[in-house]
Full PDB file with SEQRES, HELIX, SHEET, SSBOND, CRYST1, ORIGX, SCALE, CONECT and MASTER records, all heavy atoms in Angstrom:
SEQRES   1 A   39  ASN VAL PRO HIS PHE GLY HIS GLY ASP GLY GLU ALA CYS          
SEQRES   2 A   39  GLY SER GLY PRO GLU THR VAL LEU HIS LEU LEU ALA LYS          
SEQRES   3 A   39  GLU VAL PHE ARG THR ASN PRO PRO LEU LEU LEU PRO LYS          
HELIX    1 AA1 GLY A   16  VAL A   28  1                                  13    
HELIX    2 AA2 PHE A   29  THR A   31  5                                   3    
CRYST1    1.000    1.000    1.000  90.00  90.00  90.00 P 1           1          
ORIGX1      1.000000  0.000000  0.000000        0.00000                         
ORIGX2      0.000000  1.000000  0.000000        0.00000                         
ORIGX3      0.000000  0.000000  1.000000        0.00000                         
SCALE1      1.000000  0.000000  0.000000        0.00000                         
SCALE2      0.000000  1.000000  0.000000        0.00000                         
SCALE3      0.000000  0.000000  1.000000        0.00000                         
ATOM      1  N   ASN A   1      59.003 272.458-163.049  1.00  0.00           N  
ATOM      2  CA  ASN A   1      60.264 271.725-163.176  1.00  0.00           C  
ATOM      3  C   ASN A   1      60.774 271.278-161.811  1.00  0.00           C  
ATOM      4  O   ASN A   1      60.517 271.906-160.790  1.00  0.00           O  
ATOM      5  CB  ASN A   1      61.335 272.589-163.850  1.00  0.00           C  
ATOM      6  CG  ASN A   1      60.950 272.916-165.288  1.00  0.00           C  
ATOM      7  OD1 ASN A   1      60.311 272.111-165.961  1.00  0.00           O  
ATOM      8  ND2 ASN A   1      61.311 274.109-165.727  1.00  0.00           N  
ATOM      9  N   VAL A   2      61.544 270.193-161.847  1.00  0.00           N  
ATOM     10  CA  VAL A   2      62.244 269.775-160.634  1.00  0.00           C  
ATOM     11  C   VAL A   2      63.314 270.810-160.338  1.00  0.00           C  
ATOM     12  O   VAL A   2      64.047 271.225-161.254  1.00  0.00           O  
ATOM     13  CB  VAL A   2      62.883 268.379-160.842  1.00  0.00           C  
ATOM     14  CG1 VAL A   2      63.679 267.981-159.610  1.00  0.00           C  
ATOM     15  CG2 VAL A   2      61.804 267.350-161.132  1.00  0.00           C  
ATOM     16  N   PRO A   3      63.454 271.271-159.101  1.00  0.00           N  
ATOM     17  CA  PRO A   3      64.439 272.309-158.788  1.00  0.00           C  
ATOM     18  C   PRO A   3      65.841 271.895-159.196  1.00  0.00           C  
ATOM     19  O   PRO A   3      66.267 270.766-158.922  1.00  0.00           O  
ATOM     20  CB  PRO A   3      64.320 272.473-157.267  1.00  0.00           C  
ATOM     21  CG  PRO A   3      62.908 272.032-156.967  1.00  0.00           C  
ATOM     22  CD  PRO A   3      62.625 270.928-157.926  1.00  0.00           C  
ATOM     23  N   HIS A   4      66.608 272.793-159.849  1.00  0.00           N  
ATOM     24  CA  HIS A   4      67.977 272.495-160.259  1.00  0.00           C  
ATOM     25  C   HIS A   4      68.656 273.826-160.634  1.00  0.00           C  
ATOM     26  O   HIS A   4      68.009 274.867-160.779  1.00  0.00           O  
ATOM     27  CB  HIS A   4      67.998 271.540-161.450  1.00  0.00           C  
ATOM     28  CG  HIS A   4      67.400 272.093-162.701  1.00  0.00           C  
ATOM     29  ND1 HIS A   4      66.035 272.116-162.914  1.00  0.00           N  
ATOM     30  CD2 HIS A   4      67.981 272.679-163.786  1.00  0.00           C  
ATOM     31  CE1 HIS A   4      65.800 272.666-164.091  1.00  0.00           C  
ATOM     32  NE2 HIS A   4      66.960 273.033-164.639  1.00  0.00           N  
ATOM     33  N   PHE A   5      69.962 273.708-160.822  1.00  0.00           N  
ATOM     34  CA  PHE A   5      70.740 274.855-161.273  1.00  0.00           C  
ATOM     35  C   PHE A   5      70.884 274.795-162.776  1.00  0.00           C  
ATOM     36  O   PHE A   5      71.096 273.706-163.349  1.00  0.00           O  
ATOM     37  CB  PHE A   5      72.131 274.874-160.640  1.00  0.00           C  
ATOM     38  CG  PHE A   5      72.134 275.292-159.189  1.00  0.00           C  
ATOM     39  CD1 PHE A   5      72.305 274.364-158.171  1.00  0.00           C  
ATOM     40  CD2 PHE A   5      71.972 276.635-158.843  1.00  0.00           C  
ATOM     41  CE1 PHE A   5      72.316 274.748-156.855  1.00  0.00           C  
ATOM     42  CE2 PHE A   5      71.983 277.016-157.502  1.00  0.00           C  
ATOM     43  CZ  PHE A   5      72.145 276.064-156.507  1.00  0.00           C  
ATOM     44  N   GLY A   6      70.791 275.958-163.414  1.00  0.00           N  
ATOM     45  CA  GLY A   6      71.056 276.071-164.846  1.00  0.00           C  
ATOM     46  C   GLY A   6      72.040 277.179-165.104  1.00  0.00           C  
ATOM     47  O   GLY A   6      72.185 278.113-164.307  1.00  0.00           O  
ATOM     48  N   HIS A   7      72.779 277.117-166.219  1.00  0.00           N  
ATOM     49  CA  HIS A   7      73.742 278.151-166.558  1.00  0.00           C  
ATOM     50  C   HIS A   7      73.012 279.422-166.983  1.00  0.00           C  
ATOM     51  O   HIS A   7      71.958 279.347-167.655  1.00  0.00           O  
ATOM     52  CB  HIS A   7      74.657 277.671-167.675  1.00  0.00           C  
ATOM     53  CG  HIS A   7      75.678 276.689-167.208  1.00  0.00           C  
ATOM     54  ND1 HIS A   7      75.381 275.416-166.747  1.00  0.00           N  
ATOM     55  CD2 HIS A   7      77.045 276.817-167.095  1.00  0.00           C  
ATOM     56  CE1 HIS A   7      76.475 274.785-166.403  1.00  0.00           C  
ATOM     57  NE2 HIS A   7      77.522 275.628-166.596  1.00  0.00           N  
ATOM     58  N   GLY A   8      73.554 280.537-166.579  1.00  0.00           N  
ATOM     59  CA  GLY A   8      72.883 281.801-166.836  1.00  0.00           C  
ATOM     60  C   GLY A   8      72.726 282.087-168.312  1.00  0.00           C  
ATOM     61  O   GLY A   8      71.750 282.709-168.728  1.00  0.00           O  
ATOM     62  N   ASP A   9      73.716 281.647-169.121  1.00  0.00           N  
ATOM     63  CA  ASP A   9      73.614 281.903-170.549  1.00  0.00           C  
ATOM     64  C   ASP A   9      72.798 280.835-171.254  1.00  0.00           C  
ATOM     65  O   ASP A   9      72.667 280.845-172.488  1.00  0.00           O  
ATOM     66  CB  ASP A   9      75.019 282.000-171.178  1.00  0.00           C  
ATOM     67  CG  ASP A   9      75.829 280.742-170.896  1.00  0.00           C  
ATOM     68  OD1 ASP A   9      75.264 279.771-170.308  1.00  0.00           O  
ATOM     69  OD2 ASP A   9      77.013 280.688-171.256  1.00  0.00           O  
ATOM     70  N   GLY A  10      72.281 279.892-170.479  1.00  0.00           N  
ATOM     71  CA  GLY A  10      71.425 278.835-171.046  1.00  0.00           C  
ATOM     72  C   GLY A  10      72.189 277.678-171.659  1.00  0.00           C  
ATOM     73  O   GLY A  10      71.591 276.722-172.145  1.00  0.00           O  
ATOM     74  N   GLU A  11      73.492 277.665-171.696  1.00  0.00           N  
ATOM     75  CA  GLU A  11      74.287 276.603-172.303  1.00  0.00           C  
ATOM     76  C   GLU A  11      74.976 275.815-171.191  1.00  0.00           C  
ATOM     77  O   GLU A  11      75.807 276.347-170.455  1.00  0.00           O  
ATOM     78  CB  GLU A  11      75.331 277.200-173.249  1.00  0.00           C  
ATOM     79  CG  GLU A  11      76.131 276.179-174.041  1.00  0.00           C  
ATOM     80  CD  GLU A  11      75.305 275.473-175.093  1.00  0.00           C  
ATOM     81  OE1 GLU A  11      74.241 276.010-175.481  1.00  0.00           O  
ATOM     82  OE2 GLU A  11      75.685 274.355-175.503  1.00  0.00           O  
ATOM     83  N   ALA A  12      74.599 274.538-171.056  1.00  0.00           N  
ATOM     84  CA  ALA A  12      75.198 273.702-170.003  1.00  0.00           C  
ATOM     85  C   ALA A  12      76.579 273.239-170.422  1.00  0.00           C  
ATOM     86  O   ALA A  12      76.784 272.836-171.558  1.00  0.00           O  
ATOM     87  CB  ALA A  12      74.301 272.498-169.723  1.00  0.00           C  
ATOM     88  N   CYS A  13      77.530 273.297-169.477  1.00  0.00           N  
ATOM     89  CA  CYS A  13      78.896 272.860-169.795  1.00  0.00           C  
ATOM     90  C   CYS A  13      79.015 271.343-169.820  1.00  0.00           C  
ATOM     91  O   CYS A  13      79.932 270.782-170.399  1.00  0.00           O  
ATOM     92  CB  CYS A  13      79.894 273.450-168.805  1.00  0.00           C  
ATOM     93  SG  CYS A  13      79.719 272.796-167.118  1.00  0.00           S  
ATOM     94  N   GLY A  14      78.126 270.654-169.107  1.00  0.00           N  
ATOM     95  CA  GLY A  14      78.109 269.182-169.131  1.00  0.00           C  
ATOM     96  C   GLY A  14      78.999 268.530-168.100  1.00  0.00           C  
ATOM     97  O   GLY A  14      78.945 267.314-167.902  1.00  0.00           O  
ATOM     98  N   SER A  15      79.861 269.265-167.407  1.00  0.00           N  
ATOM     99  CA  SER A  15      80.786 268.657-166.447  1.00  0.00           C  
ATOM    100  C   SER A  15      80.434 268.957-165.008  1.00  0.00           C  
ATOM    101  O   SER A  15      81.096 268.495-164.077  1.00  0.00           O  
ATOM    102  CB  SER A  15      82.231 269.153-166.719  1.00  0.00           C  
ATOM    103  OG  SER A  15      82.635 268.835-168.029  1.00  0.00           O  
ATOM    104  N   GLY A  16      79.413 269.767-164.818  1.00  0.00           N  
ATOM    105  CA  GLY A  16      79.070 270.168-163.459  1.00  0.00           C  
ATOM    106  C   GLY A  16      78.727 269.011-162.536  1.00  0.00           C  
ATOM    107  O   GLY A  16      79.272 268.903-161.431  1.00  0.00           O  
ATOM    108  N   PRO A  17      77.797 268.104-162.921  1.00  0.00           N  
ATOM    109  CA  PRO A  17      77.419 267.014-162.007  1.00  0.00           C  
ATOM    110  C   PRO A  17      78.607 266.154-161.598  1.00  0.00           C  
ATOM    111  O   PRO A  17      78.731 265.762-160.442  1.00  0.00           O  
ATOM    112  CB  PRO A  17      76.401 266.219-162.822  1.00  0.00           C  
ATOM    113  CG  PRO A  17      75.814 267.209-163.774  1.00  0.00           C  
ATOM    114  CD  PRO A  17      76.947 268.111-164.139  1.00  0.00           C  
ATOM    115  N   GLU A  18      79.524 265.815-162.552  1.00  0.00           N  
ATOM    116  CA  GLU A  18      80.697 264.995-162.216  1.00  0.00           C  
ATOM    117  C   GLU A  18      81.582 265.725-161.221  1.00  0.00           C  
ATOM    118  O   GLU A  18      82.066 265.157-160.236  1.00  0.00           O  
ATOM    119  CB  GLU A  18      81.471 264.667-163.494  1.00  0.00           C  
ATOM    120  CG  GLU A  18      82.757 263.897-163.201  1.00  0.00           C  
ATOM    121  CD  GLU A  18      83.611 263.732-164.443  1.00  0.00           C  
ATOM    122  OE1 GLU A  18      83.191 264.173-165.533  1.00  0.00           O  
ATOM    123  OE2 GLU A  18      84.700 263.173-164.305  1.00  0.00           O  
ATOM    124  N   THR A  19      81.784 267.032-161.491  1.00  0.00           N  
ATOM    125  CA  THR A  19      82.644 267.831-160.601  1.00  0.00           C  
ATOM    126  C   THR A  19      82.047 267.890-159.209  1.00  0.00           C  
ATOM    127  O   THR A  19      82.759 267.799-158.189  1.00  0.00           O  
ATOM    128  CB  THR A  19      82.816 269.242-161.172  1.00  0.00           C  
ATOM    129  OG1 THR A  19      83.352 269.149-162.490  1.00  0.00           O  
ATOM    130  CG2 THR A  19      83.723 270.096-160.302  1.00  0.00           C  
ATOM    131  N   VAL A  20      80.695 268.017-159.127  1.00  0.00           N  
ATOM    132  CA  VAL A  20      80.036 268.049-157.817  1.00  0.00           C  
ATOM    133  C   VAL A  20      80.288 266.764-157.061  1.00  0.00           C  
ATOM    134  O   VAL A  20      80.619 266.774-155.867  1.00  0.00           O  
ATOM    135  CB  VAL A  20      78.524 268.301-157.999  1.00  0.00           C  
ATOM    136  CG1 VAL A  20      77.794 268.051-156.674  1.00  0.00           C  
ATOM    137  CG2 VAL A  20      78.273 269.714-158.460  1.00  0.00           C  
ATOM    138  N   LEU A  21      80.122 265.605-157.762  1.00  0.00           N  
ATOM    139  CA  LEU A  21      80.354 264.317-157.089  1.00  0.00           C  
ATOM    140  C   LEU A  21      81.785 264.203-156.603  1.00  0.00           C  
ATOM    141  O   LEU A  21      82.053 263.719-155.504  1.00  0.00           O  
ATOM    142  CB  LEU A  21      80.015 263.158-158.026  1.00  0.00           C  
ATOM    143  CG  LEU A  21      78.532 262.898-158.288  1.00  0.00           C  
ATOM    144  CD1 LEU A  21      78.350 261.712-159.223  1.00  0.00           C  
ATOM    145  CD2 LEU A  21      77.783 262.637-156.978  1.00  0.00           C  
ATOM    146  N   HIS A  22      82.735 264.684-157.428  1.00  0.00           N  
ATOM    147  CA  HIS A  22      84.128 264.649-157.005  1.00  0.00           C  
ATOM    148  C   HIS A  22      84.335 265.502-155.763  1.00  0.00           C  
ATOM    149  O   HIS A  22      84.989 265.088-154.790  1.00  0.00           O  
ATOM    150  CB  HIS A  22      85.037 265.162-158.130  1.00  0.00           C  
ATOM    151  CG  HIS A  22      85.423 264.097-159.107  1.00  0.00           C  
ATOM    152  ND1 HIS A  22      84.762 263.885-160.292  1.00  0.00           N  
ATOM    153  CD2 HIS A  22      86.411 263.149-159.070  1.00  0.00           C  
ATOM    154  CE1 HIS A  22      85.308 262.888-160.947  1.00  0.00           C  
ATOM    155  NE2 HIS A  22      86.326 262.413-160.215  1.00  0.00           N  
ATOM    156  N   LEU A  23      83.804 266.697-155.785  1.00  0.00           N  
ATOM    157  CA  LEU A  23      83.999 267.615-154.657  1.00  0.00           C  
ATOM    158  C   LEU A  23      83.356 267.095-153.380  1.00  0.00           C  
ATOM    159  O   LEU A  23      83.937 267.165-152.289  1.00  0.00           O  
ATOM    160  CB  LEU A  23      83.428 268.992-155.016  1.00  0.00           C  
ATOM    161  CG  LEU A  23      84.162 269.750-156.149  1.00  0.00           C  
ATOM    162  CD1 LEU A  23      83.427 271.045-156.492  1.00  0.00           C  
ATOM    163  CD2 LEU A  23      85.610 270.035-155.745  1.00  0.00           C  
ATOM    164  N   LEU A  24      82.105 266.595-153.526  1.00  0.00           N  
ATOM    165  CA  LEU A  24      81.418 266.065-152.339  1.00  0.00           C  
ATOM    166  C   LEU A  24      82.118 264.830-151.806  1.00  0.00           C  
ATOM    167  O   LEU A  24      82.159 264.610-150.586  1.00  0.00           O  
ATOM    168  CB  LEU A  24      79.957 265.752-152.670  1.00  0.00           C  
ATOM    169  CG  LEU A  24      79.072 266.971-152.943  1.00  0.00           C  
ATOM    170  CD1 LEU A  24      77.674 266.517-153.362  1.00  0.00           C  
ATOM    171  CD2 LEU A  24      78.991 267.851-151.697  1.00  0.00           C  
ATOM    172  N   ALA A  25      82.642 263.983-152.731  1.00  0.00           N  
ATOM    173  CA  ALA A  25      83.372 262.797-152.288  1.00  0.00           C  
ATOM    174  C   ALA A  25      84.616 263.199-151.503  1.00  0.00           C  
ATOM    175  O   ALA A  25      84.977 262.578-150.498  1.00  0.00           O  
ATOM    176  CB  ALA A  25      83.752 261.946-153.505  1.00  0.00           C  
ATOM    177  N   LYS A  26      85.277 264.249-151.971  1.00  0.00           N  
ATOM    178  CA  LYS A  26      86.472 264.707-151.260  1.00  0.00           C  
ATOM    179  C   LYS A  26      86.106 265.265-149.896  1.00  0.00           C  
ATOM    180  O   LYS A  26      86.849 265.102-148.913  1.00  0.00           O  
ATOM    181  CB  LYS A  26      87.191 265.770-152.082  1.00  0.00           C  
ATOM    182  CG  LYS A  26      87.768 265.211-153.390  1.00  0.00           C  
ATOM    183  CD  LYS A  26      88.330 266.326-154.269  1.00  0.00           C  
ATOM    184  CE  LYS A  26      88.830 265.763-155.605  1.00  0.00           C  
ATOM    185  NZ  LYS A  26      89.345 266.832-156.484  1.00  0.00           N  
ATOM    186  N   GLU A  27      84.969 265.965-149.812  1.00  0.00           N  
ATOM    187  CA  GLU A  27      84.536 266.507-148.533  1.00  0.00           C  
ATOM    188  C   GLU A  27      84.330 265.414-147.494  1.00  0.00           C  
ATOM    189  O   GLU A  27      84.549 265.625-146.301  1.00  0.00           O  
ATOM    190  CB  GLU A  27      83.231 267.292-148.710  1.00  0.00           C  
ATOM    191  CG  GLU A  27      83.405 268.657-149.315  1.00  0.00           C  
ATOM    192  CD  GLU A  27      82.093 269.442-149.302  1.00  0.00           C  
ATOM    193  OE1 GLU A  27      81.107 268.892-148.728  1.00  0.00           O  
ATOM    194  OE2 GLU A  27      82.059 270.551-149.824  1.00  0.00           O  
ATOM    195  N   VAL A  28      83.887 264.228-147.962  1.00  0.00           N  
ATOM    196  CA  VAL A  28      83.618 263.123-147.031  1.00  0.00           C  
ATOM    197  C   VAL A  28      84.847 262.790-146.210  1.00  0.00           C  
ATOM    198  O   VAL A  28      84.763 262.489-145.006  1.00  0.00           O  
ATOM    199  CB  VAL A  28      83.130 261.875-147.834  1.00  0.00           C  
ATOM    200  CG1 VAL A  28      83.080 260.652-146.929  1.00  0.00           C  
ATOM    201  CG2 VAL A  28      81.770 262.144-148.454  1.00  0.00           C  
ATOM    202  N   PHE A  29      86.043 262.847-146.807  1.00  0.00           N  
ATOM    203  CA  PHE A  29      87.266 262.399-146.134  1.00  0.00           C  
ATOM    204  C   PHE A  29      87.858 263.450-145.205  1.00  0.00           C  
ATOM    205  O   PHE A  29      88.822 263.166-144.493  1.00  0.00           O  
ATOM    206  CB  PHE A  29      88.308 261.990-147.188  1.00  0.00           C  
ATOM    207  CG  PHE A  29      87.990 260.674-147.840  1.00  0.00           C  
ATOM    208  CD1 PHE A  29      87.288 260.611-149.028  1.00  0.00           C  
ATOM    209  CD2 PHE A  29      88.379 259.489-147.228  1.00  0.00           C  
ATOM    210  CE1 PHE A  29      86.994 259.414-149.620  1.00  0.00           C  
ATOM    211  CE2 PHE A  29      88.085 258.282-147.826  1.00  0.00           C  
ATOM    212  CZ  PHE A  29      87.384 258.223-149.029  1.00  0.00           C  
ATOM    213  N   ARG A  30      87.287 264.669-145.198  1.00  0.00           N  
ATOM    214  CA  ARG A  30      87.839 265.708-144.331  1.00  0.00           C  
ATOM    215  C   ARG A  30      87.604 265.414-142.852  1.00  0.00           C  
ATOM    216  O   ARG A  30      88.268 265.973-141.992  1.00  0.00           O  
ATOM    217  CB  ARG A  30      87.265 267.078-144.698  1.00  0.00           C  
ATOM    218  CG  ARG A  30      87.697 267.548-146.089  1.00  0.00           C  
ATOM    219  CD  ARG A  30      87.202 268.948-146.400  1.00  0.00           C  
ATOM    220  NE  ARG A  30      87.588 269.365-147.736  1.00  0.00           N  
ATOM    221  CZ  ARG A  30      88.780 269.871-148.067  1.00  0.00           C  
ATOM    222  NH1 ARG A  30      89.693 270.049-147.093  1.00  0.00           N  
ATOM    223  NH2 ARG A  30      89.051 270.221-149.307  1.00  0.00           N  
ATOM    224  N   THR A  31      86.653 264.533-142.571  1.00  0.00           N  
ATOM    225  CA  THR A  31      86.361 264.186-141.170  1.00  0.00           C  
ATOM    226  C   THR A  31      87.004 262.864-140.758  1.00  0.00           C  
ATOM    227  O   THR A  31      86.659 262.302-139.720  1.00  0.00           O  
ATOM    228  CB  THR A  31      84.845 264.074-140.984  1.00  0.00           C  
ATOM    229  OG1 THR A  31      84.345 263.069-141.880  1.00  0.00           O  
ATOM    230  CG2 THR A  31      84.163 265.411-141.268  1.00  0.00           C  
ATOM    231  N   ASN A  32      87.957 262.348-141.587  1.00  0.00           N  
ATOM    232  CA  ASN A  32      88.662 261.089-141.302  1.00  0.00           C  
ATOM    233  C   ASN A  32      87.695 259.924-141.020  1.00  0.00           C  
ATOM    234  O   ASN A  32      87.746 259.272-139.962  1.00  0.00           O  
ATOM    235  CB  ASN A  32      89.623 261.259-140.121  1.00  0.00           C  
ATOM    236  CG  ASN A  32      90.683 262.307-140.376  1.00  0.00           C  
ATOM    237  OD1 ASN A  32      91.099 262.496-141.532  1.00  0.00           O  
ATOM    238  ND2 ASN A  32      91.102 263.007-139.333  1.00  0.00           N  
ATOM    239  N   PRO A  33      86.772 259.654-141.932  1.00  0.00           N  
ATOM    240  CA  PRO A  33      85.773 258.592-141.685  1.00  0.00           C  
ATOM    241  C   PRO A  33      86.352 257.182-141.923  1.00  0.00           C  
ATOM    242  O   PRO A  33      87.404 257.037-142.553  1.00  0.00           O  
ATOM    243  CB  PRO A  33      84.705 258.895-142.736  1.00  0.00           C  
ATOM    244  CG  PRO A  33      85.489 259.437-143.885  1.00  0.00           C  
ATOM    245  CD  PRO A  33      86.618 260.240-143.286  1.00  0.00           C  
ATOM    246  N   PRO A  34      85.637 256.130-141.442  1.00  0.00           N  
ATOM    247  CA  PRO A  34      86.055 254.751-141.766  1.00  0.00           C  
ATOM    248  C   PRO A  34      85.727 254.435-143.230  1.00  0.00           C  
ATOM    249  O   PRO A  34      84.686 254.841-143.743  1.00  0.00           O  
ATOM    250  CB  PRO A  34      85.228 253.884-140.824  1.00  0.00           C  
ATOM    251  CG  PRO A  34      84.041 254.709-140.493  1.00  0.00           C  
ATOM    252  CD  PRO A  34      84.483 256.152-140.523  1.00  0.00           C  
ATOM    253  N   LEU A  35      86.609 253.694-143.899  1.00  0.00           N  
ATOM    254  CA  LEU A  35      86.469 253.381-145.322  1.00  0.00           C  
ATOM    255  C   LEU A  35      86.525 251.861-145.522  1.00  0.00           C  
ATOM    256  O   LEU A  35      87.375 251.190-144.910  1.00  0.00           O  
ATOM    257  CB  LEU A  35      87.588 254.054-146.120  1.00  0.00           C  
ATOM    258  CG  LEU A  35      87.682 253.671-147.612  1.00  0.00           C  
ATOM    259  CD1 LEU A  35      86.469 254.209-148.371  1.00  0.00           C  
ATOM    260  CD2 LEU A  35      88.980 254.218-148.208  1.00  0.00           C  
ATOM    261  N   LEU A  36      85.637 251.363-146.362  1.00  0.00           N  
ATOM    262  CA  LEU A  36      85.652 249.926-146.700  1.00  0.00           C  
ATOM    263  C   LEU A  36      86.585 249.710-147.886  1.00  0.00           C  
ATOM    264  O   LEU A  36      86.338 250.221-148.982  1.00  0.00           O  
ATOM    265  CB  LEU A  36      84.253 249.433-147.065  1.00  0.00           C  
ATOM    266  CG  LEU A  36      84.176 247.966-147.515  1.00  0.00           C  
ATOM    267  CD1 LEU A  36      84.583 247.031-146.382  1.00  0.00           C  
ATOM    268  CD2 LEU A  36      82.770 247.629-148.007  1.00  0.00           C  
ATOM    269  N   LEU A  37      87.706 249.003-147.619  1.00  0.00           N  
ATOM    270  CA  LEU A  37      88.632 248.660-148.691  1.00  0.00           C  
ATOM    271  C   LEU A  37      88.133 247.394-149.388  1.00  0.00           C  
ATOM    272  O   LEU A  37      87.590 246.493-148.743  1.00  0.00           O  
ATOM    273  CB  LEU A  37      90.031 248.430-148.132  1.00  0.00           C  
ATOM    274  CG  LEU A  37      90.700 249.662-147.501  1.00  0.00           C  
ATOM    275  CD1 LEU A  37      92.068 249.294-146.967  1.00  0.00           C  
ATOM    276  CD2 LEU A  37      90.805 250.801-148.514  1.00  0.00           C  
ATOM    277  N   PRO A  38      88.295 247.288-150.728  1.00  0.00           N  
ATOM    278  CA  PRO A  38      87.789 246.100-151.450  1.00  0.00           C  
ATOM    279  C   PRO A  38      88.651 244.863-151.188  1.00  0.00           C  
ATOM    280  O   PRO A  38      89.781 244.960-150.716  1.00  0.00           O  
ATOM    281  CB  PRO A  38      87.862 246.523-152.914  1.00  0.00           C  
ATOM    282  CG  PRO A  38      88.966 247.530-152.959  1.00  0.00           C  
ATOM    283  CD  PRO A  38      88.904 248.276-151.647  1.00  0.00           C  
ATOM    284  N   LYS A  39      88.064 243.703-151.519  1.00  0.00           N  
ATOM    285  CA  LYS A  39      88.827 242.464-151.408  1.00  0.00           C  
ATOM    286  C   LYS A  39      89.928 242.460-152.470  1.00  0.00           C  
ATOM    287  O   LYS A  39      89.864 243.183-153.473  1.00  0.00           O  
ATOM    288  CB  LYS A  39      87.921 241.248-151.606  1.00  0.00           C  
ATOM    289  CG  LYS A  39      87.252 241.194-152.963  1.00  0.00           C  
ATOM    290  CD  LYS A  39      86.326 240.008-153.051  1.00  0.00           C  
ATOM    291  CE  LYS A  39      85.656 239.971-154.434  1.00  0.00           C  
ATOM    292  NZ  LYS A  39      84.729 238.802-154.556  1.00  0.00           N  
TER     293      LYS A  39                                                      
MASTER        0    0    0    2    0    0    0    6  292    1    0    3          
END                                                                             
């Protein structure tokens, strides 16, 4: 298998990947980076 995390009880909650993207996206701004604002 491709390496990944699974729930210990074998039942996936389904929200983990979205939550990870949210958390990682928030981490990006902790270093005050430049941001491209849309037109």
